[in-house]
PDB file of N, CA and C in Angstrom:
ATOM      1  N   MET A   1       0.824  -1.190   0.004  1.00  0.00           N
ATOM      2  CA  MET A   1      -0.005  -0.007  -0.012  1.00  0.00           C
ATOM      3  C   MET A   1       0.845   1.266   0.008  1.00  0.00           C
ATOM      4  N   LYS A   2       1.972   1.208   0.768  1.00  0.00           N
ATOM      5  CA  LYS A   2       2.841   2.371   0.853  1.00  0.00           C
ATOM      6  C   LYS A   2       3.515   2.626  -0.511  1.00  0.00           C
ATOM      7  N   ALA A   3       3.853   1.561  -1.211  1.00  0.00           N
ATOM      8  CA  ALA A   3       4.481   1.700  -2.544  1.00  0.00           C
ATOM      9  C   ALA A   3       3.532   2.330  -3.523  1.00  0.00           C
ATOM     10  N   VAL A   4       2.231   1.997  -3.437  1.00  0.00           N
ATOM     11  CA  VAL A   4       1.226   2.631  -4.323  1.00  0.00           C
ATOM     12  C   VAL A   4       1.138   4.121  -4.052  1.00  0.00           C
ATOM     13  N   ALA A   5       1.128   4.501  -2.800  1.00  0.00           N
ATOM     14  CA  ALA A   5       1.043   5.895  -2.427  1.00  0.00           C
ATOM     15  C   ALA A   5       2.264   6.674  -2.957  1.00  0.00           C
ATOM     16  N   VAL A   6       3.450   6.060  -2.821  1.00  0.00           N
ATOM     17  CA  VAL A   6       4.653   6.708  -3.324  1.00  0.00           C
ATOM     18  C   VAL A   6       4.582   6.832  -4.841  1.00  0.00           C
ATOM     19  N   ALA A   7       4.144   5.798  -5.540  1.00  0.00           N
ATOM     20  CA  ALA A   7       4.042   5.846  -6.989  1.00  0.00           C
ATOM     21  C   ALA A   7       3.066   6.929  -7.432  1.00  0.00           C
ATOM     22  N   VAL A   8       1.931   7.065  -6.740  1.00  0.00           N
ATOM     23  CA  VAL A   8       0.947   8.074  -7.076  1.00  0.00           C
ATOM     24  C   VAL A   8       1.534   9.465  -6.838  1.00  0.00           C
ATOM     25  N   ALA A   9       2.280   9.631  -5.772  1.00  0.00           N
ATOM     26  CA  ALA A   9       2.891  10.924  -5.504  1.00  0.00           C
ATOM     27  C   ALA A   9       3.910  11.292  -6.556  1.00  0.00           C
ATOM     28  N   VAL A  10       4.711  10.336  -7.035  1.00  0.00           N
ATOM     29  CA  VAL A  10       5.713  10.582  -8.064  1.00  0.00           C
ATOM     30  C   VAL A  10       5.055  10.952  -9.368  1.00  0.00           C
ATOM     31  N   VAL A  11       3.986  10.206  -9.762  1.00  0.00           N
ATOM     32  CA  VAL A  11       3.280  10.528 -10.981  1.00  0.00           C
ATOM     33  C   VAL A  11       2.649  11.897 -10.903  1.00  0.00           C
ATOM     34  N   ALA A  12       2.084  12.236  -9.789  1.00  0.00           N
ATOM     35  CA  ALA A  12       1.482  13.560  -9.619  1.00  0.00           C
ATOM     36  C   ALA A  12       2.531  14.652  -9.748  1.00  0.00           C
ATOM     37  N   ALA A  13       3.707  14.457  -9.167  1.00  0.00           N
ATOM     38  CA  ALA A  13       4.766  15.443  -9.242  1.00  0.00           C
ATOM     39  C   ALA A  13       5.261  15.612 -10.675  1.00  0.00           C
ATOM     40  N   VAL A  14       5.391  14.516 -11.422  1.00  0.00           N
ATOM     41  CA  VAL A  14       5.819  14.594 -12.804  1.00  0.00           C
ATOM     42  C   VAL A  14       4.803  15.341 -13.650  1.00  0.00           C
ATOM     43  N   ILE A  15       3.513  15.051 -13.446  1.00  0.00           N
ATOM     44  CA  ILE A  15       2.449  15.732 -14.216  1.00  0.00           C
ATOM     45  C   ILE A  15       2.465  17.218 -13.868  1.00  0.00           C
ATOM     46  N   GLN A  16       2.667  17.563 -12.612  1.00  0.00           N
ATOM     47  CA  GLN A  16       2.682  18.971 -12.214  1.00  0.00           C
ATOM     48  C   GLN A  16       3.834  19.715 -12.886  1.00  0.00           C
ATOM     49  N   VAL A  17       4.988  19.087 -12.926  1.00  0.00           N
ATOM     50  CA  VAL A  17       6.153  19.718 -13.534  1.00  0.00           C
ATOM     51  C   VAL A  17       5.946  19.866 -15.067  1.00  0.00           C
ATOM     52  N   MET A  18       5.387  18.864 -15.683  1.00  0.00           N
ATOM     53  CA  MET A  18       5.156  18.926 -17.119  1.00  0.00           C
ATOM     54  C   MET A  18       4.069  19.946 -17.486  1.00  0.00           C
ATOM     55  N   ALA A  19       3.086  20.155 -16.628  1.00  0.00           N
ATOM     56  CA  ALA A  19       1.986  21.042 -16.926  1.00  0.00           C
ATOM     57  C   ALA A  19       2.325  22.515 -16.581  1.00  0.00           C
ATOM     58  N   ARG A  20       3.358  22.704 -15.800  1.00  0.00           N
ATOM     59  CA  ARG A  20       3.732  24.046 -15.390  1.00  0.00           C
ATOM     60  C   ARG A  20       4.358  24.794 -16.547  1.00  0.00           C
ATOM     61  N   PRO A  21       3.973  26.097 -16.766  1.00  0.00           N
ATOM     62  CA  PRO A  21       4.596  26.833 -17.827  1.00  0.00           C
ATOM     63  C   PRO A  21       6.081  27.063 -17.583  1.00  0.00           C
ATOM     64  N   ALA A  22       6.834  27.311 -18.578  1.00  0.00           N
ATOM     65  CA  ALA A  22       8.258  27.558 -18.442  1.00  0.00           C
ATOM     66  C   ALA A  22       8.498  28.769 -17.567  1.00  0.00           C
ATOM     67  N   GLU A  23       9.632  28.778 -16.871  1.00  0.00           N
ATOM     68  CA  GLU A  23      10.026  29.887 -16.016  1.00  0.00           C
ATOM     69  C   GLU A  23       9.966  31.185 -16.788  1.00  0.00           C
ATOM     70  N   GLY A  24       9.345  32.177 -16.231  1.00  0.00           N
ATOM     71  CA  GLY A  24       9.258  33.477 -16.877  1.00  0.00           C
ATOM     72  C   GLY A  24       8.086  33.638 -17.823  1.00  0.00           C
ATOM     73  N   THR A  25       7.282  32.598 -17.974  1.00  0.00           N
ATOM     74  CA  THR A  25       6.158  32.670 -18.896  1.00  0.00           C
ATOM     75  C   THR A  25       4.907  33.068 -18.113  1.00  0.00           C
ATOM     76  N   ILE A  26       4.231  34.073 -18.615  1.00  0.00           N
ATOM     77  CA  ILE A  26       3.024  34.558 -17.975  1.00  0.00           C
ATOM     78  C   ILE A  26       1.832  33.991 -18.736  1.00  0.00           C
ATOM     79  N   THR A  27       0.755  33.703 -18.049  1.00  0.00           N
ATOM     80  CA  THR A  27      -0.441  33.134 -18.690  1.00  0.00           C
ATOM     81  C   THR A  27      -1.634  34.110 -18.510  1.00  0.00           C
ATOM     82  N   CYS A  28      -2.615  33.956 -19.366  1.00  0.00           N
ATOM     83  CA  CYS A  28      -3.825  34.775 -19.246  1.00  0.00           C
ATOM     84  C   CYS A  28      -4.542  34.486 -17.927  1.00  0.00           C
ATOM     85  N   GLY A  29      -4.465  33.263 -17.488  1.00  0.00           N
ATOM     86  CA  GLY A  29      -5.078  32.933 -16.202  1.00  0.00           C
ATOM     87  C   GLY A  29      -4.473  33.739 -15.065  1.00  0.00           C
ATOM     88  N   GLN A  30      -3.158  33.889 -15.045  1.00  0.00           N
ATOM     89  CA  GLN A  30      -2.479  34.677 -14.044  1.00  0.00           C
ATOM     90  C   GLN A  30      -2.878  36.140 -14.133  1.00  0.00           C
ATOM     91  N   VAL A  31      -2.952  36.659 -15.332  1.00  0.00           N
ATOM     92  CA  VAL A  31      -3.286  38.072 -15.545  1.00  0.00           C
ATOM     93  C   VAL A  31      -4.743  38.311 -15.067  1.00  0.00           C
ATOM     94  N   LYS A  32      -5.622  37.458 -15.477  1.00  0.00           N
ATOM     95  CA  LYS A  32      -7.037  37.643 -15.108  1.00  0.00           C
ATOM     96  C   LYS A  32      -7.232  37.533 -13.592  1.00  0.00           C
ATOM     97  N   MET A  33      -6.538  36.559 -12.972  1.00  0.00           N
ATOM     98  CA  MET A  33      -6.626  36.448 -11.485  1.00  0.00           C
ATOM     99  C   MET A  33      -6.076  37.680 -10.807  1.00  0.00           C
ATOM    100  N   ALA A  34      -5.012  38.220 -11.348  1.00  0.00           N
ATOM    101  CA  ALA A  34      -4.386  39.390 -10.738  1.00  0.00           C
ATOM    102  C   ALA A  34      -5.291  40.611 -10.823  1.00  0.00           C
ATOM    103  N   LEU A  35      -6.064  40.703 -11.928  1.00  0.00           N
ATOM    104  CA  LEU A  35      -6.897  41.859 -12.144  1.00  0.00           C
ATOM    105  C   LEU A  35      -8.324  41.686 -11.609  1.00  0.00           C
ATOM    106  N   ALA A  36      -8.698  40.505 -11.172  1.00  0.00           N
ATOM    107  CA  ALA A  36     -10.057  40.264 -10.692  1.00  0.00           C
ATOM    108  C   ALA A  36     -10.439  41.224  -9.559  1.00  0.00           C
ATOM    109  N   PRO A  37      -9.566  41.511  -8.586  1.00  0.00           N
ATOM    110  CA  PRO A  37      -9.961  42.447  -7.537  1.00  0.00           C
ATOM    111  C   PRO A  37     -10.140  43.907  -8.042  1.00  0.00           C
ATOM    112  N   CYS A  38      -9.767  44.146  -9.295  1.00  0.00           N
ATOM    113  CA  CYS A  38      -9.891  45.510  -9.860  1.00  0.00           C
ATOM    114  C   CYS A  38     -11.232  45.799 -10.483  1.00  0.00           C
ATOM    115  N   MET A  39     -12.044  44.764 -10.663  1.00  0.00           N
ATOM    116  CA  MET A  39     -13.320  44.966 -11.389  1.00  0.00           C
ATOM    117  C   MET A  39     -14.188  46.072 -10.778  1.00  0.00           C
ATOM    118  N   PRO A  40     -14.374  46.122  -9.459  1.00  0.00           N
ATOM    119  CA  PRO A  40     -15.183  47.230  -8.932  1.00  0.00           C
ATOM    120  C   PRO A  40     -14.627  48.627  -9.315  1.00  0.00           C
ATOM    121  N   TYR A  41     -13.336  48.752  -9.244  1.00  0.00           N
ATOM    122  CA  TYR A  41     -12.708  50.027  -9.635  1.00  0.00           C
ATOM    123  C   TYR A  41     -12.860  50.297 -11.119  1.00  0.00           C
ATOM    124  N   LEU A  42     -12.617  49.279 -11.935  1.00  0.00           N
ATOM    125  CA  LEU A  42     -12.634  49.436 -13.396  1.00  0.00           C
ATOM    126  C   LEU A  42     -14.041  49.715 -13.935  1.00  0.00           C
ATOM    127  N   THR A  43     -15.054  49.360 -13.234  1.00  0.00           N
ATOM    128  CA  THR A  43     -16.407  49.577 -13.677  1.00  0.00           C
ATOM    129  C   THR A  43     -17.072  50.759 -13.003  1.00  0.00           C
ATOM    130  N   SER A  44     -16.328  51.400 -12.092  1.00  0.00           N
ATOM    131  CA  SER A  44     -16.887  52.583 -11.415  1.00  0.00           C
ATOM    132  C   SER A  44     -16.288  53.865 -11.982  1.00  0.00           C
ATOM    133  N   GLN A  45     -16.609  54.959 -11.356  1.00  0.00           N
ATOM    134  CA  GLN A  45     -16.114  56.237 -11.853  1.00  0.00           C
ATOM    135  C   GLN A  45     -14.819  56.648 -11.196  1.00  0.00           C
ATOM    136  N   GLY A  46     -13.938  55.726 -11.034  1.00  0.00           N
ATOM    137  CA  GLY A  46     -12.634  56.028 -10.486  1.00  0.00           C
ATOM    138  C   GLY A  46     -12.550  55.903  -9.010  1.00  0.00           C
ATOM    139  N   GLY A  47     -11.937  56.860  -8.370  1.00  0.00           N
ATOM    140  CA  GLY A  47     -11.683  56.764  -6.935  1.00  0.00           C
ATOM    141  C   GLY A  47     -10.350  56.118  -6.710  1.00  0.00           C
ATOM    142  N   THR A  48     -10.257  55.373  -5.626  1.00  0.00           N
ATOM    143  CA  THR A  48      -8.995  54.728  -5.260  1.00  0.00           C
ATOM    144  C   THR A  48      -9.144  53.222  -5.466  1.00  0.00           C
ATOM    145  N   PRO A  49      -8.230  52.622  -6.222  1.00  0.00           N
ATOM    146  CA  PRO A  49      -8.284  51.172  -6.411  1.00  0.00           C
ATOM    147  C   PRO A  49      -8.068  50.467  -5.047  1.00  0.00           C
ATOM    148  N   PRO A  50      -8.759  49.340  -4.821  1.00  0.00           N
ATOM    149  CA  PRO A  50      -8.557  48.623  -3.600  1.00  0.00           C
ATOM    150  C   PRO A  50      -7.146  48.018  -3.499  1.00  0.00           C
ATOM    151  N   PRO A  51      -6.638  47.768  -2.320  1.00  0.00           N
ATOM    152  CA  PRO A  51      -5.297  47.250  -2.164  1.00  0.00           C
ATOM    153  C   PRO A  51      -5.043  45.942  -2.914  1.00  0.00           C
ATOM    154  N   GLY A  52      -6.050  45.057  -2.922  1.00  0.00           N
ATOM    155  CA  GLY A  52      -5.888  43.776  -3.650  1.00  0.00           C
ATOM    156  C   GLY A  52      -5.723  44.017  -5.137  1.00  0.00           C
ATOM    157  N   CYS A  53      -6.359  45.019  -5.646  1.00  0.00           N
ATOM    158  CA  CYS A  53      -6.253  45.370  -7.065  1.00  0.00           C
ATOM    159  C   CYS A  53      -4.803  45.842  -7.364  1.00  0.00           C
ATOM    160  N   CYS A  54      -4.305  46.741  -6.537  1.00  0.00           N
ATOM    161  CA  CYS A  54      -2.970  47.261  -6.779  1.00  0.00           C
ATOM    162  C   CYS A  54      -1.914  46.128  -6.613  1.00  0.00           C
ATOM    163  N   ALA A  55      -2.194  45.238  -5.708  1.00  0.00           N
ATOM    164  CA  ALA A  55      -1.261  44.098  -5.561  1.00  0.00           C
ATOM    165  C   ALA A  55      -1.262  43.273  -6.827  1.00  0.00           C
ATOM    166  N   GLY A  56      -2.398  43.130  -7.474  1.00  0.00           N
ATOM    167  CA  GLY A  56      -2.499  42.391  -8.730  1.00  0.00           C
ATOM    168  C   GLY A  56      -1.758  43.096  -9.854  1.00  0.00           C
ATOM    169  N   VAL A  57      -1.911  44.416  -9.952  1.00  0.00           N
ATOM    170  CA  VAL A  57      -1.217  45.181 -10.975  1.00  0.00           C
ATOM    171  C   VAL A  57       0.295  45.086 -10.767  1.00  0.00           C
ATOM    172  N   LYS A  58       0.737  45.158  -9.534  1.00  0.00           N
ATOM    173  CA  LYS A  58       2.154  45.035  -9.237  1.00  0.00           C
ATOM    174  C   LYS A  58       2.656  43.614  -9.533  1.00  0.00           C
ATOM    175  N   ALA A  59       1.804  42.617  -9.332  1.00  0.00           N
ATOM    176  CA  ALA A  59       2.190  41.252  -9.683  1.00  0.00           C
ATOM    177  C   ALA A  59       2.387  41.109 -11.200  1.00  0.00           C
ATOM    178  N   ILE A  60       1.508  41.740 -11.958  1.00  0.00           N
ATOM    179  CA  ILE A  60       1.672  41.686 -13.428  1.00  0.00           C
ATOM    180  C   ILE A  60       2.959  42.345 -13.852  1.00  0.00           C
ATOM    181  N   GLU A  61       3.254  43.498 -13.215  1.00  0.00           N
ATOM    182  CA  GLU A  61       4.478  44.226 -13.531  1.00  0.00           C
ATOM    183  C   GLU A  61       5.693  43.334 -13.210  1.00  0.00           C
ATOM    184  N   THR A  62       5.644  42.584 -12.128  1.00  0.00           N
ATOM    185  CA  THR A  62       6.740  41.715 -11.754  1.00  0.00           C
ATOM    186  C   THR A  62       6.846  40.502 -12.628  1.00  0.00           C
ATOM    187  N   MET A  63       5.718  39.929 -13.032  1.00  0.00           N
ATOM    188  CA  MET A  63       5.719  38.713 -13.868  1.00  0.00           C
ATOM    189  C   MET A  63       6.092  39.008 -15.321  1.00  0.00           C
ATOM    190  N   ALA A  64       5.721  40.146 -15.847  1.00  0.00           N
ATOM    191  CA  ALA A  64       5.981  40.494 -17.255  1.00  0.00           C
ATOM    192  C   ALA A  64       7.336  41.184 -17.356  1.00  0.00           C
ATOM    193  N   THR A  65       8.381  40.386 -17.406  1.00  0.00           N
ATOM    194  CA  THR A  65       9.734  40.919 -17.349  1.00  0.00           C
ATOM    195  C   THR A  65      10.411  41.041 -18.688  1.00  0.00           C
ATOM    196  N   ASN A  66       9.911  40.288 -19.697  1.00  0.00           N
ATOM    197  CA  ASN A  66      10.545  40.379 -21.023  1.00  0.00           C
ATOM    198  C   ASN A  66       9.496  40.772 -22.052  1.00  0.00           C
ATOM    199  N   ALA A  67       9.948  41.033 -23.273  1.00  0.00           N
ATOM    200  CA  ALA A  67       9.041  41.505 -24.310  1.00  0.00           C
ATOM    201  C   ALA A  67       7.903  40.533 -24.587  1.00  0.00           C
ATOM    202  N   ALA A  68       8.232  39.266 -24.638  1.00  0.00           N
ATOM    203  CA  ALA A  68       7.199  38.249 -24.924  1.00  0.00           C
ATOM    204  C   ALA A  68       6.146  38.222 -23.842  1.00  0.00           C
ATOM    205  N   ASP A  69       6.572  38.244 -22.574  1.00  0.00           N
ATOM    206  CA  ASP A  69       5.619  38.244 -21.462  1.00  0.00           C
ATOM    207  C   ASP A  69       4.762  39.500 -21.457  1.00  0.00           C
ATOM    208  N   LYS A  70       5.354  40.616 -21.797  1.00  0.00           N
ATOM    209  CA  LYS A  70       4.603  41.879 -21.845  1.00  0.00           C
ATOM    210  C   LYS A  70       3.544  41.846 -22.943  1.00  0.00           C
ATOM    211  N   GLN A  71       3.898  41.247 -24.070  1.00  0.00           N
ATOM    212  CA  GLN A  71       2.914  41.126 -25.149  1.00  0.00           C
ATOM    213  C   GLN A  71       1.792  40.212 -24.726  1.00  0.00           C
ATOM    214  N   VAL A  72       2.116  39.105 -24.047  1.00  0.00           N
ATOM    215  CA  VAL A  72       1.062  38.194 -23.596  1.00  0.00           C
ATOM    216  C   VAL A  72       0.175  38.886 -22.558  1.00  0.00           C
ATOM    217  N   ALA A  73       0.780  39.570 -21.606  1.00  0.00           N
ATOM    218  CA  ALA A  73      -0.002  40.253 -20.591  1.00  0.00           C
ATOM    219  C   ALA A  73      -0.928  41.308 -21.224  1.00  0.00           C
ATOM    220  N   CYS A  74      -0.405  42.021 -22.158  1.00  0.00           N
ATOM    221  CA  CYS A  74      -1.181  43.064 -22.864  1.00  0.00           C
ATOM    222  C   CYS A  74      -2.358  42.439 -23.573  1.00  0.00           C
ATOM    223  N   SER A  75      -2.097  41.372 -24.310  1.00  0.00           N
ATOM    224  CA  SER A  75      -3.172  40.680 -25.051  1.00  0.00           C
ATOM    225  C   SER A  75      -4.216  40.104 -24.093  1.00  0.00           C
ATOM    226  N   CYS A  76      -3.782  39.548 -22.984  1.00  0.00           N
ATOM    227  CA  CYS A  76      -4.734  39.002 -21.997  1.00  0.00           C
ATOM    228  C   CYS A  76      -5.596  40.080 -21.417  1.00  0.00           C
ATOM    229  N   ILE A  77      -5.023  41.253 -21.144  1.00  0.00           N
ATOM    230  CA  ILE A  77      -5.796  42.358 -20.600  1.00  0.00           C
ATOM    231  C   ILE A  77      -6.822  42.807 -21.646  1.00  0.00           C
ATOM    232  N   LYS A  78      -6.426  42.887 -22.904  1.00  0.00           N
ATOM    233  CA  LYS A  78      -7.383  43.271 -23.954  1.00  0.00           C
ATOM    234  C   LYS A  78      -8.512  42.249 -24.067  1.00  0.00           C
ATOM    235  N   GLU A  79      -8.151  40.970 -23.953  1.00  0.00           N
ATOM    236  CA  GLU A  79      -9.143  39.912 -24.029  1.00  0.00           C
ATOM    237  C   GLU A  79     -10.109  39.994 -22.849  1.00  0.00           C
ATOM    238  N   ALA A  80      -9.566  40.265 -21.663  1.00  0.00           N
ATOM    239  CA  ALA A  80     -10.431  40.381 -20.482  1.00  0.00           C
ATOM    240  C   ALA A  80     -11.331  41.599 -20.598  1.00  0.00           C
ATOM    241  N   ALA A  81     -10.837  42.684 -21.123  1.00  0.00           N
ATOM    242  CA  ALA A  81     -11.631  43.897 -21.295  1.00  0.00           C
ATOM    243  C   ALA A  81     -12.779  43.650 -22.269  1.00  0.00           C
ATOM    244  N   ALA A  82     -12.542  42.826 -23.278  1.00  0.00           N
ATOM    245  CA  ALA A  82     -13.620  42.528 -24.215  1.00  0.00           C
ATOM    246  C   ALA A  82     -14.729  41.707 -23.571  1.00  0.00           C
ATOM    247  N   GLU A  83     -14.388  40.945 -22.562  1.00  0.00           N
ATOM    248  CA  GLU A  83     -15.365  40.139 -21.829  1.00  0.00           C
ATOM    249  C   GLU A  83     -16.246  40.997 -20.921  1.00  0.00           C
ATOM    250  N   PHE A  84     -15.756  42.158 -20.532  1.00  0.00           N
ATOM    251  CA  PHE A  84     -16.477  43.042 -19.626  1.00  0.00           C
ATOM    252  C   PHE A  84     -16.650  44.395 -20.320  1.00  0.00           C
ATOM    253  N   PRO A  85     -17.725  44.574 -21.102  1.00  0.00           N
ATOM    254  CA  PRO A  85     -17.877  45.832 -21.837  1.00  0.00           C
ATOM    255  C   PRO A  85     -18.140  47.050 -20.945  1.00  0.00           C
ATOM    256  N   ASN A  86     -18.421  46.839 -19.678  1.00  0.00           N
ATOM    257  CA  ASN A  86     -18.698  47.988 -18.812  1.00  0.00           C
ATOM    258  C   ASN A  86     -17.445  48.548 -18.129  1.00  0.00           C
ATOM    259  N   VAL A  87     -16.253  48.062 -18.552  1.00  0.00           N
ATOM    260  CA  VAL A  87     -15.012  48.616 -18.025  1.00  0.00           C
ATOM    261  C   VAL A  87     -14.831  50.005 -18.595  1.00  0.00           C
ATOM    262  N   ARG A  88     -14.587  50.943 -17.699  1.00  0.00           N
ATOM    263  CA  ARG A  88     -14.391  52.363 -18.097  1.00  0.00           C
ATOM    264  C   ARG A  88     -12.942  52.561 -18.582  1.00  0.00           C
ATOM    265  N   ASP A  89     -12.817  53.112 -19.774  1.00  0.00           N
ATOM    266  CA  ASP A  89     -11.477  53.332 -20.353  1.00  0.00           C
ATOM    267  C   ASP A  89     -10.636  54.266 -19.467  1.00  0.00           C
ATOM    268  N   ASP A  90     -11.243  55.307 -18.914  1.00  0.00           N
ATOM    269  CA  ASP A  90     -10.491  56.224 -18.085  1.00  0.00           C
ATOM    270  C   ASP A  90      -9.967  55.569 -16.832  1.00  0.00           C
ATOM    271  N   SER A  91     -10.778  54.740 -16.197  1.00  0.00           N
ATOM    272  CA  SER A  91     -10.352  54.025 -14.977  1.00  0.00           C
ATOM    273  C   SER A  91      -9.228  53.041 -15.326  1.00  0.00           C
ATOM    274  N   ALA A  92      -9.391  52.362 -16.457  1.00  0.00           N
ATOM    275  CA  ALA A  92      -8.378  51.377 -16.887  1.00  0.00           C
ATOM    276  C   ALA A  92      -7.034  52.038 -17.148  1.00  0.00           C
ATOM    277  N   THR A  93      -7.032  53.143 -17.883  1.00  0.00           N
ATOM    278  CA  THR A  93      -5.735  53.774 -18.227  1.00  0.00           C
ATOM    279  C   THR A  93      -5.067  54.398 -17.005  1.00  0.00           C
ATOM    280  N   GLN A  94      -5.852  54.802 -15.997  1.00  0.00           N
ATOM    281  CA  GLN A  94      -5.299  55.419 -14.806  1.00  0.00           C
ATOM    282  C   GLN A  94      -4.825  54.385 -13.777  1.00  0.00           C
ATOM    283  N   LEU A  95      -5.261  53.146 -13.900  1.00  0.00           N
ATOM    284  CA  LEU A  95      -5.010  52.149 -12.894  1.00  0.00           C
ATOM    285  C   LEU A  95      -3.565  51.934 -12.557  1.00  0.00           C
ATOM    286  N   PRO A  96      -2.661  51.670 -13.516  1.00  0.00           N
ATOM    287  CA  PRO A  96      -1.262  51.451 -13.134  1.00  0.00           C
ATOM    288  C   PRO A  96      -0.634  52.624 -12.378  1.00  0.00           C
ATOM    289  N   GLY A  97      -0.899  53.812 -12.808  1.00  0.00           N
ATOM    290  CA  GLY A  97      -0.368  54.982 -12.120  1.00  0.00           C
ATOM    291  C   GLY A  97      -0.919  55.134 -10.718  1.00  0.00           C
ATOM    292  N   LYS A  98      -2.190  54.897 -10.552  1.00  0.00           N
ATOM    293  CA  LYS A  98      -2.802  54.995  -9.198  1.00  0.00           C
ATOM    294  C   LYS A  98      -2.277  53.928  -8.260  1.00  0.00           C
ATOM    295  N   CYS A  99      -1.830  52.824  -8.846  1.00  0.00           N
ATOM    296  CA  CYS A  99      -1.277  51.729  -8.038  1.00  0.00           C
ATOM    297  C   CYS A  99       0.234  51.841  -7.847  1.00  0.00           C
ATOM    298  N   GLY A 100       0.860  52.803  -8.482  1.00  0.00           N
ATOM    299  CA  GLY A 100       2.312  52.973  -8.384  1.00  0.00           C
ATOM    300  C   GLY A 100       3.054  51.816  -9.048  1.00  0.00           C
ATOM    301  N   ALA A 101       2.457  51.281 -10.116  1.00  0.00           N
ATOM    302  CA  ALA A 101       3.057  50.163 -10.834  1.00  0.00           C
ATOM    303  C   ALA A 101       2.941  50.426 -12.314  1.00  0.00           C
ATOM    304  N   PRO A 102       3.735  51.383 -12.822  1.00  0.00           N
ATOM    305  CA  PRO A 102       3.636  51.715 -14.253  1.00  0.00           C
ATOM    306  C   PRO A 102       4.019  50.498 -15.113  1.00  0.00           C
ATOM    307  N   LEU A 103       3.092  50.111 -15.989  1.00  0.00           N
ATOM    308  CA  LEU A 103       3.357  49.029 -16.918  1.00  0.00           C
ATOM    309  C   LEU A 103       3.939  49.597 -18.177  1.00  0.00           C
ATOM    310  N   ASP A 104       4.591  48.805 -18.970  1.00  0.00           N
ATOM    311  CA  ASP A 104       5.199  49.260 -20.226  1.00  0.00           C
ATOM    312  C   ASP A 104       4.155  49.345 -21.352  1.00  0.00           C
ATOM    313  N   PHE A 105       2.915  49.107 -21.014  1.00  0.00           N
ATOM    314  CA  PHE A 105       1.812  49.181 -21.958  1.00  0.00           C
ATOM    315  C   PHE A 105       0.599  49.674 -21.204  1.00  0.00           C
ATOM    316  N   PRO A 106      -0.268  50.427 -21.870  1.00  0.00           N
ATOM    317  CA  PRO A 106      -1.462  50.903 -21.212  1.00  0.00           C
ATOM    318  C   PRO A 106      -2.501  49.797 -21.090  1.00  0.00           C
ATOM    319  N   ILE A 107      -3.337  49.918 -20.096  1.00  0.00           N
ATOM    320  CA  ILE A 107      -4.505  49.003 -19.973  1.00  0.00           C
ATOM    321  C   ILE A 107      -5.604  49.677 -20.836  1.00  0.00           C
ATOM    322  N   SER A 108      -5.661  49.223 -22.058  1.00  0.00           N
ATOM    323  CA  SER A 108      -6.569  49.847 -23.002  1.00  0.00           C
ATOM    324  C   SER A 108      -6.938  48.786 -24.067  1.00  0.00           C
ATOM    325  N   PRO A 109      -8.222  48.738 -24.441  1.00  0.00           N
ATOM    326  CA  PRO A 109      -8.600  47.793 -25.500  1.00  0.00           C
ATOM    327  C   PRO A 109      -8.127  48.226 -26.888  1.00  0.00           C
ATOM    328  N   ASN A 110      -7.620  49.441 -27.020  1.00  0.00           N
ATOM    329  CA  ASN A 110      -7.247  49.979 -28.305  1.00  0.00           C
ATOM    330  C   ASN A 110      -5.732  49.931 -28.580  1.00  0.00           C
ATOM    331  N   PHE A 111      -4.951  49.468 -27.637  1.00  0.00           N
ATOM    332  CA  PHE A 111      -3.484  49.469 -27.763  1.00  0.00           C
ATOM    333  C   PHE A 111      -3.013  48.257 -28.571  1.00  0.00           C
ATOM    334  N   ASP A 112      -2.039  48.482 -29.457  1.00  0.00           N
ATOM    335  CA  ASP A 112      -1.465  47.393 -30.273  1.00  0.00           C
ATOM    336  C   ASP A 112      -0.395  46.719 -29.443  1.00  0.00           C
ATOM    337  N   CYS A 113      -0.703  45.519 -28.959  1.00  0.00           N
ATOM    338  CA  CYS A 113       0.192  44.794 -28.065  1.00  0.00           C
ATOM    339  C   CYS A 113       1.465  44.303 -28.741  1.00  0.00           C
ATOM    340  N   LYS A 114       1.511  44.346 -30.052  1.00  0.00           N
ATOM    341  CA  LYS A 114       2.682  43.841 -30.780  1.00  0.00           C
ATOM    342  C   LYS A 114       3.794  44.936 -30.830  1.00  0.00           C
ATOM    343  N   ARG A 115       3.476  46.129 -30.391  1.00  0.00           N
ATOM    344  CA  ARG A 115       4.492  47.195 -30.419  1.00  0.00           C
ATOM    345  C   ARG A 115       5.427  47.049 -29.254  1.00  0.00           C
TER     346      ARG A 115
END
């Protein structure tokens, strides 16, 4: 029985390593999770973003360290914005600055992420 448990643990560890994205690779899931606490701010008339929201924006800034990751993050943000048509453009563009986490790309559905 103990050998079966060890075998299951080893198989689970191998699957987890194989399924994990490469080091330095950002995913849309990570971006969307990071921005989820921002939805009340992004759909309102501004104000102050909640701390969890700013933590998410800072996490994106930290995760998107190279050009490829920044393009992915930008595209994911555009994709998420398309899913929520009530996101205010002014709130979105002001968010990184209000959180003290300037991104190398604006949070905007109109930005060309390939630049």
